[in-house]
Structure formats: C-alpha cells, structure tokens
Amino acid sequence: MTRAALIICAVLALASCGTTRGVLDGTGTVLEGVAMDLRSAGNMFGR
C-alpha cells in the first residue's frame, strides 16, 4: 500500500469510531477475543 492509502485508512478508522479512545477500545476487544480463541485451541490440542 502506498503512504496515501495508509493515511486514508487511518483517518477513516478514526472517523468511524469517533475518537482515538474508541479505536483503542475496539482494538483491545479484538485482541482479547483472539487471545481467548488461541487459549481455547491450545486447550483443545493440549489434552
């Protein structure tokens, strides 16, 4: 991607969530979900 495309994506992400805090909260929620999925998969294969 070009630098302009990255800037446009960043601006759209900030605008869609309203605030930077909204973006960070959303990112944290996604990462927590991924971590729970990985833990579940690890438990499934570990037993």
PDB file of N, CA and C in Angstrom:
ATOM      1  N   MET A   1       0.836  -1.191   0.000  1.00  0.00           N
ATOM      2  CA  MET A   1       0.000   0.000   0.000  1.00  0.00           C
ATOM      3  C   MET A   1       0.874   1.245   0.000  1.00  0.00           C
ATOM      4  N   THR A   2       0.338   2.235  -0.589  1.00  0.00           N
ATOM      5  CA  THR A   2       1.079   3.490  -0.592  1.00  0.00           C
ATOM      6  C   THR A   2       0.837   4.251   0.703  1.00  0.00           C
ATOM      7  N   ARG A   3       1.642   5.224   0.926  1.00  0.00           N
ATOM      8  CA  ARG A   3       1.511   6.026   2.135  1.00  0.00           C
ATOM      9  C   ARG A   3       0.164   6.740   2.181  1.00  0.00           C
ATOM     10  N   ALA A   4      -0.300   7.227   1.035  1.00  0.00           N
ATOM     11  CA  ALA A   4      -1.587   7.931   0.985  1.00  0.00           C
ATOM     12  C   ALA A   4      -2.732   6.987   1.366  1.00  0.00           C
ATOM     13  N   ALA A   5      -2.676   5.749   0.894  1.00  0.00           N
ATOM     14  CA  ALA A   5      -3.728   4.778   1.219  1.00  0.00           C
ATOM     15  C   ALA A   5      -3.730   4.476   2.708  1.00  0.00           C
ATOM     16  N   LEU A   6      -2.557   4.369   3.312  1.00  0.00           N
ATOM     17  CA  LEU A   6      -2.474   4.120   4.750  1.00  0.00           C
ATOM     18  C   LEU A   6      -3.049   5.283   5.550  1.00  0.00           C
ATOM     19  N   ILE A   7      -2.758   6.487   5.112  1.00  0.00           N
ATOM     20  CA  ILE A   7      -3.283   7.669   5.804  1.00  0.00           C
ATOM     21  C   ILE A   7      -4.804   7.716   5.686  1.00  0.00           C
ATOM     22  N   ILE A   8      -5.325   7.412   4.504  1.00  0.00           N
ATOM     23  CA  ILE A   8      -6.776   7.415   4.310  1.00  0.00           C
ATOM     24  C   ILE A   8      -7.435   6.364   5.198  1.00  0.00           C
ATOM     25  N   CYS A   9      -6.845   5.176   5.270  1.00  0.00           N
ATOM     26  CA  CYS A   9      -7.389   4.119   6.135  1.00  0.00           C
ATOM     27  C   CYS A   9      -7.375   4.547   7.600  1.00  0.00           C
ATOM     28  N   ALA A  10      -6.305   5.178   8.026  1.00  0.00           N
ATOM     29  CA  ALA A  10      -6.206   5.623   9.417  1.00  0.00           C
ATOM     30  C   ALA A  10      -7.253   6.688   9.718  1.00  0.00           C
ATOM     31  N   VAL A  11      -7.446   7.623   8.819  1.00  0.00           N
ATOM     32  CA  VAL A  11      -8.436   8.681   9.020  1.00  0.00           C
ATOM     33  C   VAL A  11      -9.842   8.089   9.060  1.00  0.00           C
ATOM     34  N   LEU A  12     -10.131   7.155   8.167  1.00  0.00           N
ATOM     35  CA  LEU A  12     -11.452   6.523   8.159  1.00  0.00           C
ATOM     36  C   LEU A  12     -11.697   5.735   9.443  1.00  0.00           C
ATOM     37  N   ALA A  13     -10.675   5.054   9.930  1.00  0.00           N
ATOM     38  CA  ALA A  13     -10.823   4.291  11.172  1.00  0.00           C
ATOM     39  C   ALA A  13     -11.113   5.221  12.343  1.00  0.00           C
ATOM     40  N   LEU A  14     -10.410   6.329  12.409  1.00  0.00           N
ATOM     41  CA  LEU A  14     -10.648   7.293  13.485  1.00  0.00           C
ATOM     42  C   LEU A  14     -12.028   7.932  13.366  1.00  0.00           C
ATOM     43  N   ALA A  15     -12.434   8.240  12.165  1.00  0.00           N
ATOM     44  CA  ALA A  15     -13.725   8.888  11.960  1.00  0.00           C
ATOM     45  C   ALA A  15     -14.872   7.931  12.254  1.00  0.00           C
ATOM     46  N   SER A  16     -14.710   6.657  11.904  1.00  0.00           N
ATOM     47  CA  SER A  16     -15.800   5.702  12.094  1.00  0.00           C
ATOM     48  C   SER A  16     -16.037   5.421  13.571  1.00  0.00           C
ATOM     49  N   CYS A  17     -15.006   5.434  14.384  1.00  0.00           N
ATOM     50  CA  CYS A  17     -15.160   5.171  15.810  1.00  0.00           C
ATOM     51  C   CYS A  17     -15.417   6.451  16.593  1.00  0.00           C
ATOM     52  N   GLY A  18     -15.174   7.575  16.004  1.00  0.00           N
ATOM     53  CA  GLY A  18     -15.446   8.841  16.670  1.00  0.00           C
ATOM     54  C   GLY A  18     -14.236   9.407  17.379  1.00  0.00           C
ATOM     55  N   THR A  19     -13.530   8.588  18.126  1.00  0.00           N
ATOM     56  CA  THR A  19     -12.379   9.087  18.873  1.00  0.00           C
ATOM     57  C   THR A  19     -11.246   8.078  18.821  1.00  0.00           C
ATOM     58  N   THR A  20     -10.082   8.537  19.180  1.00  0.00           N
ATOM     59  CA  THR A  20      -8.942   7.630  19.263  1.00  0.00           C
ATOM     60  C   THR A  20      -9.182   6.600  20.351  1.00  0.00           C
ATOM     61  N   ARG A  21      -9.837   7.013  21.424  1.00  0.00           N
ATOM     62  CA  ARG A  21     -10.131   6.073  22.507  1.00  0.00           C
ATOM     63  C   ARG A  21     -11.035   4.942  22.015  1.00  0.00           C
ATOM     64  N   GLY A  22     -11.983   5.288  21.155  1.00  0.00           N
ATOM     65  CA  GLY A  22     -12.857   4.272  20.584  1.00  0.00           C
ATOM     66  C   GLY A  22     -12.081   3.263  19.754  1.00  0.00           C
ATOM     67  N   VAL A  23     -11.125   3.752  18.988  1.00  0.00           N
ATOM     68  CA  VAL A  23     -10.293   2.864  18.175  1.00  0.00           C
ATOM     69  C   VAL A  23      -9.482   1.939  19.077  1.00  0.00           C
ATOM     70  N   LEU A  24      -8.883   2.502  20.126  1.00  0.00           N
ATOM     71  CA  LEU A  24      -8.068   1.691  21.020  1.00  0.00           C
ATOM     72  C   LEU A  24      -8.915   0.678  21.788  1.00  0.00           C
ATOM     73  N   ASP A  25     -10.119   1.075  22.210  1.00  0.00           N
ATOM     74  CA  ASP A  25     -11.013   0.140  22.890  1.00  0.00           C
ATOM     75  C   ASP A  25     -11.408  -0.994  21.953  1.00  0.00           C
ATOM     76  N   GLY A  26     -11.720  -0.661  20.714  1.00  0.00           N
ATOM     77  CA  GLY A  26     -12.082  -1.685  19.732  1.00  0.00           C
ATOM     78  C   GLY A  26     -10.932  -2.632  19.460  1.00  0.00           C
ATOM     79  N   THR A  27      -9.738  -2.090  19.336  1.00  0.00           N
ATOM     80  CA  THR A  27      -8.559  -2.923  19.096  1.00  0.00           C
ATOM     81  C   THR A  27      -8.312  -3.844  20.276  1.00  0.00           C
ATOM     82  N   GLY A  28      -8.461  -3.323  21.487  1.00  0.00           N
ATOM     83  CA  GLY A  28      -8.279  -4.155  22.682  1.00  0.00           C
ATOM     84  C   GLY A  28      -9.284  -5.282  22.743  1.00  0.00           C
ATOM     85  N   THR A  29     -10.528  -4.999  22.373  1.00  0.00           N
ATOM     86  CA  THR A  29     -11.564  -6.031  22.378  1.00  0.00           C
ATOM     87  C   THR A  29     -11.239  -7.124  21.372  1.00  0.00           C
ATOM     88  N   VAL A  30     -10.793  -6.736  20.196  1.00  0.00           N
ATOM     89  CA  VAL A  30     -10.430  -7.719  19.164  1.00  0.00           C
ATOM     90  C   VAL A  30      -9.268  -8.580  19.643  1.00  0.00           C
ATOM     91  N   LEU A  31      -8.254  -7.969  20.226  1.00  0.00           N
ATOM     92  CA  LEU A  31      -7.093  -8.728  20.699  1.00  0.00           C
ATOM     93  C   LEU A  31      -7.470  -9.673  21.836  1.00  0.00           C
ATOM     94  N   GLU A  32      -8.381  -9.243  22.710  1.00  0.00           N
ATOM     95  CA  GLU A  32      -8.843 -10.138  23.778  1.00  0.00           C
ATOM     96  C   GLU A  32      -9.569 -11.340  23.192  1.00  0.00           C
ATOM     97  N   GLY A  33     -10.379 -11.113  22.169  1.00  0.00           N
ATOM     98  CA  GLY A  33     -11.087 -12.214  21.512  1.00  0.00           C
ATOM     99  C   GLY A  33     -10.130 -13.193  20.862  1.00  0.00           C
ATOM    100  N   VAL A  34      -9.104 -12.674  20.205  1.00  0.00           N
ATOM    101  CA  VAL A  34      -8.106 -13.542  19.568  1.00  0.00           C
ATOM    102  C   VAL A  34      -7.373 -14.352  20.627  1.00  0.00           C
ATOM    103  N   ALA A  35      -7.025 -13.718  21.737  1.00  0.00           N
ATOM    104  CA  ALA A  35      -6.320 -14.422  22.809  1.00  0.00           C
ATOM    105  C   ALA A  35      -7.177 -15.544  23.383  1.00  0.00           C
ATOM    106  N   MET A  36      -8.483 -15.283  23.564  1.00  0.00           N
ATOM    107  CA  MET A  36      -9.374 -16.330  24.086  1.00  0.00           C
ATOM    108  C   MET A  36      -9.480 -17.481  23.095  1.00  0.00           C
ATOM    109  N   ASP A  37      -9.556 -17.182  21.801  1.00  0.00           N
ATOM    110  CA  ASP A  37      -9.623 -18.233  20.791  1.00  0.00           C
ATOM    111  C   ASP A  37      -8.358 -19.079  20.795  1.00  0.00           C
ATOM    112  N   LEU A  38      -7.208 -18.422  20.918  1.00  0.00           N
ATOM    113  CA  LEU A  38      -5.943 -19.170  20.932  1.00  0.00           C
ATOM    114  C   LEU A  38      -5.824 -20.040  22.177  1.00  0.00           C
ATOM    115  N   ARG A  39      -6.293 -19.529  23.322  1.00  0.00           N
ATOM    116  CA  ARG A  39      -6.266 -20.329  24.531  1.00  0.00           C
ATOM    117  C   ARG A  39      -7.176 -21.548  24.399  1.00  0.00           C
ATOM    118  N   SER A  40      -8.338 -21.352  23.808  1.00  0.00           N
ATOM    119  CA  SER A  40      -9.263 -22.463  23.615  1.00  0.00           C
ATOM    120  C   SER A  40      -8.651 -23.510  22.687  1.00  0.00           C
ATOM    121  N   ALA A  41      -8.019 -23.070  21.614  1.00  0.00           N
ATOM    122  CA  ALA A  41      -7.392 -24.004  20.681  1.00  0.00           C
ATOM    123  C   ALA A  41      -6.235 -24.727  21.358  1.00  0.00           C
ATOM    124  N   GLY A  42      -5.471 -24.028  22.181  1.00  0.00           N
ATOM    125  CA  GLY A  42      -4.360 -24.646  22.882  1.00  0.00           C
ATOM    126  C   GLY A  42      -4.848 -25.708  23.854  1.00  0.00           C
ATOM    127  N   ASN A  43      -5.959 -25.413  24.544  1.00  0.00           N
ATOM    128  CA  ASN A  43      -6.526 -26.397  25.475  1.00  0.00           C
ATOM    129  C   ASN A  43      -7.041 -27.609  24.717  1.00  0.00           C
ATOM    130  N   MET A  44      -7.596 -27.404  23.542  1.00  0.00           N
ATOM    131  CA  MET A  44      -8.149 -28.499  22.773  1.00  0.00           C
ATOM    132  C   MET A  44      -7.032 -29.444  22.298  1.00  0.00           C
ATOM    133  N   PHE A  45      -5.922 -28.860  21.826  1.00  0.00           N
ATOM    134  CA  PHE A  45      -4.820 -29.684  21.329  1.00  0.00           C
ATOM    135  C   PHE A  45      -3.920 -30.205  22.444  1.00  0.00           C
ATOM    136  N   GLY A  46      -3.930 -29.513  23.569  1.00  0.00           N
ATOM    137  CA  GLY A  46      -3.055 -29.909  24.677  1.00  0.00           C
ATOM    138  C   GLY A  46      -3.541 -31.126  25.436  1.00  0.00           C
ATOM    139  N   ARG A  47      -4.784 -31.494  25.255  1.00  0.00           N
ATOM    140  CA  ARG A  47      -5.325 -32.631  26.009  1.00  0.00           C
ATOM    141  C   ARG A  47      -5.442 -33.848  25.181  1.00  0.00           C
TER     142      ARG A  47
END
